[in-house]
Amino acid sequence: MKHPIKQLFGQTAVYGLGIVLPRLLNYLLLTPFYTRVFERATYGIVTELYAYVVFLLVILTYGMETGYFRYASNSEQKEKVYTTVLSSLFISSVLFVGLVWIWVRPISSVLGYSQHPEYIKWLTAIVAIDAFTTIPFARIRLYNKPLKYALIRIVEVSINIGLNLFFLHYCPHHTDAQWIQSVYNEQIGVGYVLISNLIASSIKLLILIPDILAAFRSVFELSLFRKIFSYSYPLLIAGLAGTINEALDRILLKHLIPLDQNPMEQLGIYGANYKLAVLMTLFVQMFKYAAEPFFFSKSEEKDAKKLYADVMLFFVVAGLFIFLLVILYLNYFILFIGSDFREGVNIVPVVLLANLVMGIFFNLSIWYKLTNKTRYGAVLVIMGALITVIINTLFIPRYGYVASAWAHLICYTTMVIVSYAWSRKHYAIPYQTGRILAYIGLALAIYIFNELFLQEINGYKNLVALLLLLLFSGTVIWAERKTFNAYKS
């Protein structure tokens, strides 16, 4: 039988098929495509609209995904929990679409899209479908079917990419064809990004119908819903605050950068360069998808705390390796975005570290989830949101998107420090803090060495970068040889 940590990282790898592969396809195909087919200001529209998606998904799922894992794991009422949670999300998603579509004109006017209210309609439908389908996907994860999860995600993203290429590349070059004229309107422009997404999300919904119909095996139970919602609503507050940390800058940049500095262009540059941290983002996301059900399922075991501590160590080491890989070979990574967007490459190291620290915070969050003290999570993330708002508001007018990148790092670092301190009191896990800080220090030292001494090297730069990666990896393997040997079986 596999050791639990091997099982976790094995599932992380398989979930990577559903998370990393589709997003890598987005990264390798759509990001270079968008940053070459759109002007910087137009790509800024895409960046802003999808920032709203992040906020709306948190609101429409209102913490119920984690609530589902909490009450369905190790429970004889798995199907009843599933039916109750899925029914709740169906009702709220339908109400959301109906209300927004009724008030679409004033809403689009407030958001600055009065000329394109259809953008808001399409965006609303995308969010509603994605929010509703989070629970069928959660069920797939709970029953340890990562391959099924991966295949559905890959189909969805492949359709999205194919339609983007069709509408934004093929159609504009074949407008003489009559059948193209019947499906393509040049005036829609960037709107085809949303149309492609909406069609892909709708097909995903159709594929998930068998899993959705499984909800009919049981009945909605109001008392159970109240219990799950009571657990989950603090996570909604935490999720909203976390979304402020993650996506508010994309909205504020448009309003706080002086008009003479072309705020939509700056937003486009920021969004494109933020994507260069995609390897770290994907690693953290696929780990989260595998880790949350894993953490809950192992909570009753006697060595659970040691297991959580070792997971944290391995997570940080893997994240630091990704950080160094991207930084040492950044001259290759920047080729994936258009040349007009590359002036913002200086934010990439900051964004990479911010995403790694966010992953550390997720690891730490297990203490308040297992002790049912989710209100502490809400307080932590609200604190982070306040830091994000203050830094962005004060410094965007002067430093632009650079201030936003640093706001992420400062926010998540503060949250980690406070969460760690509280965890020592409520659910002490024996994290190897000294070693973790030492490895972070080594990675930062390599980064600084690279910035100071390797930028002017031409012929041997790649070889030196490889040697630095091997230095970091060899140091960790040697220092943790006992820990690694313990998990060989």
Protein backbone atom coordinates (compact mmCIF):
# COMPACT_ATOMS: atom_id res chain seq x y z
CA MET A 1 0.00 0.00 0.00
CA LYS A 2 1.31 3.45 -0.92
CA HIS A 3 2.46 5.77 1.83
CA PRO A 4 -0.08 8.62 2.37
CA ILE A 5 2.33 11.31 1.14
CA LYS A 6 3.13 9.31 -2.00
CA GLN A 7 -0.62 8.91 -2.46
CA LEU A 8 -1.16 12.66 -2.06
CA PHE A 9 1.51 13.70 -4.53
CA GLY A 10 0.45 10.92 -6.90
CA GLN A 11 -3.09 12.32 -6.90
CA THR A 12 -1.62 15.80 -7.23
CA ALA A 13 0.12 14.64 -10.40
CA VAL A 14 -3.08 13.13 -11.84
CA TYR A 15 -5.12 16.19 -10.92
CA GLY A 16 -2.38 18.01 -12.78
CA LEU A 17 -3.75 16.45 -15.96
CA GLY A 18 -7.03 18.23 -15.28
CA ILE A 19 -5.54 21.46 -13.99
CA VAL A 20 -2.01 21.84 -15.31
CA LEU A 21 -2.48 20.41 -18.79
CA PRO A 22 -5.54 22.55 -19.67
CA ARG A 23 -4.00 25.65 -18.16
CA LEU A 24 -0.70 24.92 -19.84
CA LEU A 25 -2.62 24.73 -23.10
CA ASN A 26 -4.11 28.12 -22.23
CA TYR A 27 -0.64 29.41 -21.39
CA LEU A 28 1.12 27.95 -24.42
CA LEU A 29 -1.64 28.81 -26.89
CA LEU A 30 -4.09 31.46 -25.67
CA THR A 31 -1.75 33.79 -23.78
CA PRO A 32 0.73 34.12 -26.70
CA PHE A 33 -2.25 34.30 -29.05
CA TYR A 34 -4.11 37.02 -27.13
CA THR A 35 -0.97 39.11 -26.61
CA ARG A 36 -0.36 39.06 -30.36
CA VAL A 37 -3.90 39.36 -31.75
CA PHE A 38 -5.06 42.03 -29.25
CA GLU A 39 -3.61 45.42 -28.47
CA ARG A 40 -2.53 46.01 -24.88
CA ALA A 41 -5.68 47.95 -23.98
CA THR A 42 -7.92 45.27 -25.51
CA TYR A 43 -6.16 42.55 -23.56
CA GLY A 44 -6.74 44.75 -20.52
CA ILE A 45 -10.49 44.20 -21.06
CA VAL A 46 -9.98 40.42 -20.92
CA THR A 47 -7.90 40.80 -17.74
CA GLU A 48 -10.53 42.96 -16.05
CA LEU A 49 -13.54 40.85 -16.98
CA TYR A 50 -11.96 37.67 -15.69
CA ALA A 51 -11.09 39.43 -12.44
CA TYR A 52 -14.86 39.79 -11.93
CA VAL A 53 -15.22 36.05 -12.60
CA VAL A 54 -12.96 35.29 -9.64
CA PHE A 55 -15.12 37.41 -7.32
CA LEU A 56 -18.41 36.03 -8.58
CA LEU A 57 -17.33 32.39 -8.32
CA VAL A 58 -16.54 32.86 -4.64
CA ILE A 59 -19.92 34.49 -4.02
CA LEU A 60 -21.91 31.85 -5.91
CA THR A 61 -20.17 28.86 -4.29
CA TYR A 62 -20.29 30.52 -0.81
CA GLY A 63 -17.88 28.06 0.80
CA MET A 64 -20.09 25.05 0.05
CA GLU A 65 -17.36 23.11 -1.73
CA THR A 66 -15.28 22.92 1.46
CA GLY A 67 -18.49 22.35 3.43
CA TYR A 68 -19.25 19.39 1.17
CA PHE A 69 -15.84 17.85 1.83
CA ARG A 70 -16.18 18.46 5.56
CA TYR A 71 -19.54 16.71 5.91
CA ALA A 72 -19.27 14.09 3.15
CA SER A 73 -15.81 12.80 4.11
CA ASN A 74 -15.94 9.84 6.49
CA SER A 75 -19.75 10.09 6.51
CA GLU A 76 -22.54 7.61 5.83
CA GLN A 77 -24.63 10.47 4.44
CA LYS A 78 -22.44 11.26 1.43
CA GLU A 79 -25.32 11.25 -1.05
CA LYS A 80 -27.63 13.27 1.19
CA VAL A 81 -24.91 15.89 1.66
CA TYR A 82 -24.34 15.94 -2.10
CA THR A 83 -28.02 16.41 -2.91
CA THR A 84 -28.44 19.17 -0.33
CA VAL A 85 -25.39 21.15 -1.43
CA LEU A 86 -26.01 20.74 -5.16
CA SER A 87 -29.66 21.79 -4.84
CA SER A 88 -28.60 24.89 -2.95
CA LEU A 89 -26.12 25.92 -5.63
CA PHE A 90 -28.61 25.27 -8.42
CA ILE A 91 -31.18 27.63 -6.87
CA SER A 92 -28.66 30.39 -6.14
CA SER A 93 -27.07 30.17 -9.61
CA VAL A 94 -30.41 30.42 -11.41
CA LEU A 95 -31.48 33.39 -9.26
CA PHE A 96 -28.16 35.11 -9.94
CA VAL A 97 -28.50 34.80 -13.73
CA GLY A 98 -32.10 35.98 -13.64
CA LEU A 99 -31.41 39.05 -11.50
CA VAL A 100 -28.35 40.17 -13.47
CA TRP A 101 -30.06 39.77 -16.82
CA ILE A 102 -33.02 41.84 -15.60
CA TRP A 103 -30.71 44.63 -14.44
CA VAL A 104 -28.02 44.15 -17.09
CA ARG A 105 -28.07 47.69 -18.50
CA PRO A 106 -27.47 49.60 -15.24
CA ILE A 107 -24.92 46.98 -14.16
CA SER A 108 -22.98 47.19 -17.44
CA SER A 109 -23.08 50.98 -17.23
CA VAL A 110 -21.60 50.99 -13.71
CA LEU A 111 -18.83 48.61 -14.81
CA GLY A 112 -17.98 50.78 -17.81
CA TYR A 113 -19.42 48.47 -20.48
CA SER A 114 -22.62 50.32 -21.35
CA GLN A 115 -21.87 49.79 -25.05
CA HIS A 116 -21.56 46.04 -24.53
CA PRO A 117 -24.16 44.77 -22.03
CA GLU A 118 -23.92 41.40 -23.79
CA TYR A 119 -20.46 40.98 -22.21
CA ILE A 120 -22.08 41.02 -18.78
CA LYS A 121 -24.78 38.53 -19.84
CA TRP A 122 -22.25 36.08 -21.21
CA LEU A 123 -19.99 36.51 -18.20
CA THR A 124 -22.90 35.88 -15.84
CA ALA A 125 -23.85 32.64 -17.59
CA ILE A 126 -20.25 31.40 -17.51
CA VAL A 127 -19.95 32.07 -13.78
CA ALA A 128 -23.30 30.44 -12.96
CA ILE A 129 -22.41 27.23 -14.82
CA ASP A 130 -18.91 27.09 -13.32
CA ALA A 131 -20.23 27.68 -9.79
CA PHE A 132 -22.92 25.00 -10.09
CA THR A 133 -20.50 22.41 -11.49
CA THR A 134 -18.00 22.83 -8.65
CA ILE A 135 -20.01 20.34 -6.57
CA PRO A 136 -20.17 17.55 -9.18
CA PHE A 137 -16.43 18.04 -9.59
CA ALA A 138 -16.01 17.94 -5.79
CA ARG A 139 -17.90 14.64 -5.73
CA ILE A 140 -15.55 13.25 -8.37
CA ARG A 141 -12.60 14.31 -6.22
CA LEU A 142 -14.13 12.87 -3.05
CA TYR A 143 -14.52 9.47 -4.69
CA ASN A 144 -10.88 9.63 -5.87
CA LYS A 145 -11.52 9.73 -9.61
CA PRO A 146 -8.82 12.18 -10.69
CA LEU A 147 -8.58 10.73 -14.22
CA LYS A 148 -12.28 11.40 -14.86
CA TYR A 149 -11.83 14.91 -13.46
CA ALA A 150 -8.84 15.44 -15.74
CA LEU A 151 -10.57 14.23 -18.91
CA ILE A 152 -13.59 16.50 -18.43
CA ARG A 153 -11.38 19.53 -17.80
CA ILE A 154 -9.23 18.75 -20.83
CA VAL A 155 -12.31 18.48 -23.07
CA GLU A 156 -13.64 21.81 -21.76
CA VAL A 157 -10.41 23.70 -22.26
CA SER A 158 -9.71 22.12 -25.66
CA ILE A 159 -13.10 23.31 -26.91
CA ASN A 160 -12.46 26.78 -25.49
CA ILE A 161 -9.07 27.04 -27.18
CA GLY A 162 -10.37 25.69 -30.47
CA LEU A 163 -13.23 28.18 -30.56
CA ASN A 164 -10.92 31.08 -29.69
CA LEU A 165 -8.63 30.18 -32.58
CA PHE A 166 -11.64 29.75 -34.87
CA PHE A 167 -13.34 33.06 -34.04
CA LEU A 168 -10.29 35.27 -33.56
CA HIS A 169 -7.88 33.84 -36.15
CA TYR A 170 -9.62 31.70 -38.77
CA CYS A 171 -12.81 33.72 -39.27
CA PRO A 172 -11.17 37.17 -39.75
CA HIS A 173 -9.08 35.68 -42.59
CA HIS A 174 -11.99 33.93 -44.32
CA THR A 175 -14.79 36.51 -44.23
CA ASP A 176 -15.54 35.95 -47.93
CA ALA A 177 -16.99 32.52 -47.20
CA GLN A 178 -20.77 32.66 -46.84
CA TRP A 179 -20.91 30.17 -43.97
CA ILE A 180 -18.37 32.26 -42.05
CA GLN A 181 -20.58 35.33 -42.47
CA SER A 182 -23.44 33.42 -40.85
CA VAL A 183 -21.48 32.62 -37.65
CA TYR A 184 -19.01 35.52 -37.38
CA ASN A 185 -19.49 39.22 -36.72
CA GLU A 186 -16.35 41.34 -36.71
CA GLN A 187 -17.99 43.88 -34.38
CA ILE A 188 -18.10 41.35 -31.52
CA GLY A 189 -14.28 41.33 -31.36
CA VAL A 190 -13.03 40.55 -27.87
CA GLY A 191 -16.50 39.26 -27.02
CA TYR A 192 -15.58 36.01 -28.75
CA VAL A 193 -13.34 35.24 -25.79
CA LEU A 194 -16.49 35.09 -23.64
CA ILE A 195 -18.56 33.27 -26.27
CA SER A 196 -15.91 30.56 -26.59
CA ASN A 197 -15.78 30.17 -22.82
CA LEU A 198 -19.57 30.00 -22.52
CA ILE A 199 -19.88 27.26 -25.15
CA ALA A 200 -17.09 25.24 -23.50
CA SER A 201 -18.69 25.61 -20.05
CA SER A 202 -22.07 24.54 -21.43
CA ILE A 203 -20.57 21.37 -22.95
CA LYS A 204 -18.88 20.65 -19.61
CA LEU A 205 -22.30 20.91 -17.95
CA LEU A 206 -23.73 18.39 -20.42
CA ILE A 207 -20.89 15.93 -19.75
CA LEU A 208 -21.55 16.17 -16.00
CA ILE A 209 -25.29 15.39 -16.32
CA PRO A 210 -24.87 11.77 -15.05
CA ASP A 211 -23.13 13.09 -11.93
CA ILE A 212 -25.78 15.78 -11.51
CA LEU A 213 -28.58 13.21 -11.80
CA ALA A 214 -26.93 11.27 -8.95
CA ALA A 215 -28.34 13.97 -6.67
CA PHE A 216 -31.81 12.49 -7.22
CA ARG A 217 -30.80 9.42 -5.20
CA SER A 218 -31.45 11.39 -2.04
CA VAL A 219 -33.48 14.40 -0.92
CA PHE A 220 -32.70 17.95 0.14
CA GLU A 221 -32.59 18.22 3.93
CA LEU A 222 -33.05 21.70 5.39
CA SER A 223 -31.49 20.90 8.78
CA LEU A 224 -28.41 19.46 7.06
CA PHE A 225 -28.19 22.53 4.82
CA ARG A 226 -28.25 24.81 7.86
CA LYS A 227 -25.43 22.83 9.47
CA ILE A 228 -23.29 22.90 6.30
CA PHE A 229 -24.04 26.57 5.66
CA SER A 230 -23.15 27.46 9.26
CA TYR A 231 -19.77 25.84 8.69
CA SER A 232 -19.31 27.33 5.22
CA TYR A 233 -20.44 30.95 5.46
CA PRO A 234 -17.28 32.11 7.27
CA LEU A 235 -15.42 30.58 4.32
CA LEU A 236 -17.53 32.78 2.03
CA ILE A 237 -16.30 35.82 3.92
CA ALA A 238 -12.77 34.46 3.81
CA GLY A 239 -13.20 33.65 0.13
CA LEU A 240 -14.37 37.15 -0.71
CA ALA A 241 -11.51 38.66 1.21
CA GLY A 242 -9.14 36.19 -0.46
CA THR A 243 -10.49 37.21 -3.83
CA ILE A 244 -9.75 40.82 -2.96
CA ASN A 245 -6.18 39.67 -2.34
CA GLU A 246 -6.11 37.80 -5.63
CA ALA A 247 -8.03 39.92 -8.11
CA LEU A 248 -8.91 43.39 -6.80
CA ASP A 249 -5.76 44.89 -8.28
CA ARG A 250 -7.00 44.13 -11.83
CA ILE A 251 -10.05 46.26 -11.10
CA LEU A 252 -8.31 49.06 -9.21
CA LEU A 253 -5.58 49.53 -11.81
CA LYS A 254 -8.17 50.74 -14.31
CA HIS A 255 -9.37 53.42 -11.90
CA LEU A 256 -6.22 54.45 -10.01
CA ILE A 257 -3.61 54.76 -12.76
CA PRO A 258 -3.71 58.32 -14.20
CA LEU A 259 -5.40 58.51 -17.60
CA ASP A 260 -2.29 59.95 -19.24
CA GLN A 261 -0.50 56.68 -18.41
CA ASN A 262 -3.04 54.54 -20.34
CA PRO A 263 -4.51 52.45 -17.49
CA MET A 264 -6.03 49.77 -19.77
CA GLU A 265 -2.66 49.27 -21.45
CA GLN A 266 -0.97 48.95 -18.06
CA LEU A 267 -3.65 46.47 -17.02
CA GLY A 268 -2.95 44.44 -20.15
CA ILE A 269 0.80 44.40 -19.43
CA TYR A 270 0.20 43.40 -15.83
CA GLY A 271 -2.20 40.60 -16.78
CA ALA A 272 0.20 39.18 -19.37
CA ASN A 273 3.23 39.18 -17.08
CA TYR A 274 1.22 37.76 -14.20
CA LYS A 275 0.66 34.75 -16.46
CA LEU A 276 4.42 34.14 -16.54
CA ALA A 277 4.10 32.81 -12.99
CA VAL A 278 1.75 30.15 -14.34
CA LEU A 279 3.89 27.16 -13.30
CA MET A 280 3.72 28.21 -9.64
CA THR A 281 0.01 29.02 -9.88
CA LEU A 282 -0.73 25.64 -11.43
CA PHE A 283 1.37 23.76 -8.88
CA VAL A 284 -0.45 25.43 -5.99
CA GLN A 285 -3.86 24.86 -7.55
CA MET A 286 -3.39 21.20 -8.36
CA PHE A 287 -1.96 20.61 -4.89
CA LYS A 288 -5.02 22.27 -3.33
CA TYR A 289 -7.39 20.09 -5.33
CA ALA A 290 -5.69 16.91 -4.13
CA ALA A 291 -4.82 18.09 -0.60
CA GLU A 292 -8.16 19.27 0.78
CA PRO A 293 -9.95 15.89 0.65
CA PHE A 294 -6.66 14.21 1.65
CA PHE A 295 -6.24 16.37 4.79
CA PHE A 296 -9.79 15.68 5.95
CA SER A 297 -9.55 11.94 5.30
CA LYS A 298 -6.34 11.62 7.38
CA SER A 299 -7.50 13.79 10.28
CA GLU A 300 -8.40 10.84 12.55
CA GLU A 301 -5.05 9.07 12.21
CA LYS A 302 -2.64 9.26 15.14
CA ASP A 303 0.29 10.56 13.08
CA ALA A 304 -1.83 13.12 11.22
CA LYS A 305 0.06 16.16 12.54
CA LYS A 306 3.46 14.78 11.54
CA LEU A 307 2.01 13.94 8.14
CA TYR A 308 0.77 17.52 7.70
CA ALA A 309 4.20 18.86 8.73
CA ASP A 310 6.01 16.69 6.18
CA VAL A 311 3.55 17.70 3.46
CA MET A 312 4.35 21.35 4.17
CA LEU A 313 8.09 20.69 3.88
CA PHE A 314 7.77 18.86 0.57
CA PHE A 315 5.38 21.50 -0.76
CA VAL A 316 7.74 24.39 -0.01
CA VAL A 317 10.75 22.59 -1.50
CA ALA A 318 8.85 21.81 -4.71
CA GLY A 319 7.59 25.39 -4.92
CA LEU A 320 11.07 26.85 -4.46
CA PHE A 321 12.37 24.61 -7.26
CA ILE A 322 9.67 26.01 -9.58
CA PHE A 323 10.56 29.56 -8.48
CA LEU A 324 14.21 29.01 -9.40
CA LEU A 325 13.38 27.25 -12.66
CA VAL A 326 11.31 30.18 -13.91
CA ILE A 327 13.70 32.87 -12.66
CA LEU A 328 16.87 31.25 -14.00
CA TYR A 329 15.31 30.65 -17.41
CA LEU A 330 13.10 33.74 -17.54
CA ASN A 331 14.57 34.79 -20.89
CA TYR A 332 12.76 31.79 -22.40
CA PHE A 333 9.50 32.17 -20.50
CA ILE A 334 9.00 35.76 -21.67
CA LEU A 335 8.85 34.56 -25.26
CA PHE A 336 5.34 33.29 -24.56
CA ILE A 337 3.92 36.81 -24.42
CA GLY A 338 4.00 39.39 -27.17
CA SER A 339 6.96 41.77 -27.32
CA ASP A 340 4.70 44.76 -26.56
CA PHE A 341 3.92 43.26 -23.14
CA ARG A 342 7.43 42.33 -21.93
CA GLU A 343 8.27 45.60 -20.21
CA GLY A 344 6.50 44.29 -17.08
CA VAL A 345 8.77 41.26 -16.63
CA ASN A 346 10.29 42.74 -13.45
CA ILE A 347 7.19 41.74 -11.45
CA VAL A 348 7.53 38.02 -12.22
CA PRO A 349 9.82 37.07 -9.26
CA VAL A 350 7.50 38.89 -6.84
CA VAL A 351 4.39 37.18 -8.24
CA LEU A 352 6.07 33.76 -8.11
CA LEU A 353 6.93 34.20 -4.43
CA ALA A 354 3.46 35.57 -3.66
CA ASN A 355 1.83 32.47 -5.14
CA LEU A 356 4.17 30.18 -3.21
CA VAL A 357 3.37 31.97 0.06
CA MET A 358 -0.33 31.68 -0.75
CA GLY A 359 0.18 27.91 -1.03
CA ILE A 360 1.90 27.90 2.37
CA PHE A 361 -1.12 29.69 3.81
CA PHE A 362 -3.40 27.01 2.33
CA ASN A 363 -1.31 24.33 4.06
CA LEU A 364 -1.56 26.19 7.34
CA SER A 365 -5.33 26.65 7.00
CA ILE A 366 -5.93 23.01 7.93
CA TRP A 367 -5.79 23.93 11.63
CA TYR A 368 -8.96 26.04 11.60
CA LYS A 369 -10.78 23.78 9.14
CA LEU A 370 -10.27 20.65 11.25
CA THR A 371 -11.17 22.39 14.51
CA ASN A 372 -14.32 23.95 12.96
CA LYS A 373 -12.94 27.42 13.73
CA THR A 374 -13.42 28.73 10.23
CA ARG A 375 -14.15 32.20 11.62
CA TYR A 376 -10.40 32.50 12.23
CA GLY A 377 -9.87 31.88 8.53
CA ALA A 378 -12.29 34.68 7.76
CA VAL A 379 -10.43 37.05 10.09
CA LEU A 380 -7.07 36.15 8.55
CA VAL A 381 -8.18 36.72 4.99
CA ILE A 382 -10.06 39.92 5.83
CA MET A 383 -6.85 41.19 7.39
CA GLY A 384 -5.04 40.33 4.17
CA ALA A 385 -7.72 42.06 2.14
CA LEU A 386 -7.29 45.26 4.14
CA ILE A 387 -3.55 45.16 3.50
CA THR A 388 -4.21 44.63 -0.21
CA VAL A 389 -6.65 47.54 -0.43
CA ILE A 390 -4.37 49.91 1.50
CA ILE A 391 -1.21 49.13 -0.48
CA ASN A 392 -2.96 49.25 -3.86
CA THR A 393 -4.85 52.44 -3.06
CA LEU A 394 -1.80 54.27 -1.75
CA PHE A 395 0.81 53.12 -4.23
CA ILE A 396 -0.85 52.31 -7.58
CA PRO A 397 -1.10 56.01 -8.55
CA ARG A 398 2.68 56.29 -8.12
CA TYR A 399 4.09 52.85 -8.94
CA GLY A 400 1.34 51.31 -11.08
CA TYR A 401 1.13 47.53 -11.37
CA VAL A 402 4.45 47.07 -9.54
CA ALA A 403 2.65 48.10 -6.34
CA SER A 404 -0.02 45.47 -7.03
CA ALA A 405 2.56 42.70 -7.36
CA TRP A 406 4.20 43.64 -4.04
CA ALA A 407 0.78 43.93 -2.38
CA HIS A 408 0.21 40.23 -3.10
CA LEU A 409 3.49 39.19 -1.49
CA ILE A 410 3.14 41.42 1.60
CA CYS A 411 -0.50 40.38 2.09
CA TYR A 412 0.12 36.61 1.96
CA THR A 413 3.27 36.81 4.06
CA THR A 414 1.41 38.63 6.82
CA MET A 415 -1.41 36.07 6.70
CA VAL A 416 1.07 33.19 6.98
CA ILE A 417 2.80 34.70 10.01
CA VAL A 418 -0.43 35.35 11.92
CA SER A 419 -1.99 32.01 10.95
CA TYR A 420 1.12 30.14 12.10
CA ALA A 421 1.07 31.95 15.44
CA TRP A 422 -2.61 31.11 16.01
CA SER A 423 -2.15 27.50 14.94
CA ARG A 424 0.41 26.99 17.72
CA LYS A 425 -2.36 27.69 20.23
CA HIS A 426 -5.34 25.89 18.68
CA TYR A 427 -3.91 22.95 16.69
CA ALA A 428 -0.13 22.78 16.97
CA ILE A 429 1.50 20.99 14.02
CA PRO A 430 5.27 20.30 14.30
CA TYR A 431 6.29 22.17 11.16
CA GLN A 432 10.03 22.16 10.46
CA THR A 433 10.08 25.93 10.40
CA GLY A 434 13.85 26.31 10.65
CA ARG A 435 14.55 24.10 7.68
CA ILE A 436 11.80 25.68 5.61
CA LEU A 437 13.19 29.17 6.26
CA ALA A 438 16.70 27.93 5.43
CA TYR A 439 15.56 26.59 2.05
CA ILE A 440 13.72 29.83 1.31
CA GLY A 441 16.90 31.73 2.20
CA LEU A 442 18.99 29.52 -0.11
CA ALA A 443 16.57 30.02 -3.01
CA LEU A 444 16.58 33.80 -2.50
CA ALA A 445 20.40 33.82 -2.34
CA ILE A 446 20.54 31.98 -5.68
CA TYR A 447 18.03 34.46 -7.14
CA ILE A 448 20.08 37.46 -5.95
CA PHE A 449 23.30 35.88 -7.28
CA ASN A 450 21.60 35.39 -10.63
CA GLU A 451 20.45 39.02 -10.75
CA LEU A 452 23.81 40.47 -9.75
CA PHE A 453 26.26 38.31 -11.68
CA LEU A 454 24.61 36.24 -14.41
CA GLN A 455 22.67 38.80 -16.44
CA GLU A 456 25.67 39.74 -18.60
CA ILE A 457 26.84 36.18 -19.22
CA ASN A 458 25.92 34.93 -22.68
CA GLY A 459 27.42 31.60 -23.73
CA TYR A 460 27.41 29.83 -20.37
CA LYS A 461 24.33 31.32 -18.73
CA ASN A 462 22.11 28.26 -19.26
CA LEU A 463 24.81 25.93 -17.95
CA VAL A 464 25.33 28.06 -14.83
CA ALA A 465 21.56 28.19 -14.30
CA LEU A 466 21.43 24.40 -14.46
CA LEU A 467 24.28 24.12 -11.96
CA LEU A 468 22.43 26.47 -9.58
CA LEU A 469 19.28 24.36 -9.84
CA LEU A 470 21.34 21.24 -9.12
CA LEU A 471 22.97 23.02 -6.17
CA PHE A 472 19.57 23.75 -4.64
CA SER A 473 18.19 20.28 -5.35
CA GLY A 474 21.34 18.51 -4.11
CA THR A 475 21.38 20.53 -0.91
CA VAL A 476 17.76 19.67 -0.13
CA ILE A 477 18.15 15.97 -0.98
CA TRP A 478 21.26 15.68 1.19
CA ALA A 479 19.75 17.59 4.13
CA GLU A 480 16.45 15.69 3.98
CA ARG A 481 17.85 12.24 3.13
CA LYS A 482 16.38 10.71 6.30
CA THR A 483 12.96 12.22 5.61
CA PHE A 484 12.99 11.03 1.99
CA ASN A 485 14.14 7.55 2.99
CA ALA A 486 11.23 7.27 5.44
CA TYR A 487 8.79 7.63 2.53
CA LYS A 488 10.43 5.25 0.08
CA SER A 489 8.10 2.37 0.94
